[in-house]
Amino acid sequence: MQAKDIMSSPVYVVGPGENIAHARKIMLKHRISRLPVIEEGKLGGILTKKDIGYRLRQSEPVWRRRPIDNIPVSLLMTRDPITISPETPTRKAAGLMIEHDISGLPVLNGTEVAGIVTKSDLMRSEAVRNLDMTVADVMEDAITVSRYHSLDHVIDLMKERNDKVIVVNNDGTLAGIITESNLAFFLYEDEKRDIPIKDVVMLRRGESGGRKQFRYVMEAAAIAEDLMSRPVITIAGSATLKEAVQMMQSHRINSLVVVEDDEIRGILKRDDIIREVAK
């Protein structure tokens, strides 16, 4: 199979002078994670939800001082993105995504953007359907944080490990998951950014519906439990990759937490599956 067989087309695009708020609305409306940036009629860059999400870091001066409707796309986009042709083999496209840690490849027919191949496109391909493995064969260890960890800590950890994080309760049980989408599309209120950082006593529930506890924490604009997704879709390690892909597609998610006997065993991500395609 080739890129032209699986690519998405036509492609939603933005200009470098348009603002981040507009770009984010397009992503939300059309359930997409990246936008090619067209500059003077040609591909000038690409803007992803990761580019937007990591700017949520509370100490990031660009984000703190300028609301997103005043930040131009050109400030956050990646210039000169890696591209492929319509004839690029599917396996090579998968390999480029894994090698360069990217989730989408614009498809150029000459200088014209003919489409885009994303990891979601690959997940619907025949190459993925032909994989004969179990979840346990390809899953990874999970990165966890407390539900009370600050937004800054979560972003630092996700950038350092380039990964999603699982949020756990005090007893280590599964509470939620934080992905790049959670960061990029988190409704971040301006007034929260002005809260001074200081030691305070906060009353938080240890778990949903559980007993409230006083905790000494750093007062911050947001903590892990404020932006995590829940409930979390889980799967057993003995399940097949075919079953896992079907669950991801039906729930419109890119990862599944692997749980056995109520214990977190790991995480299966879309990248793990695509890595197998690239081999």
Foldseek 3Di string as FASTA:
>chain_A
DFQLVQFDPDFAAAEQFFFPVVVLVVCVVVVHFKHFYADPNFGFFMDGLLLQLLCPQLPNVVPLPDPRRPHGNNVRTGGPDAAAERGHDPLVVLVVCLVVVHFKHFHDDPRDRGGMDGLVSVLPDPLLVPDWFFQLVQFDAAAEDEQFAAPNVLSVVCVVVVDKHFYAFPVRFGAFIDDSCLRSPPPQDSVQSPDDWDWDWDWDASHVVHDIDTDTDTRHSDGNNSRGDDDAAADARGHTSVVVSVVCVVVVHFKHFHDDPRHTDGMDGSSSSSVVSND
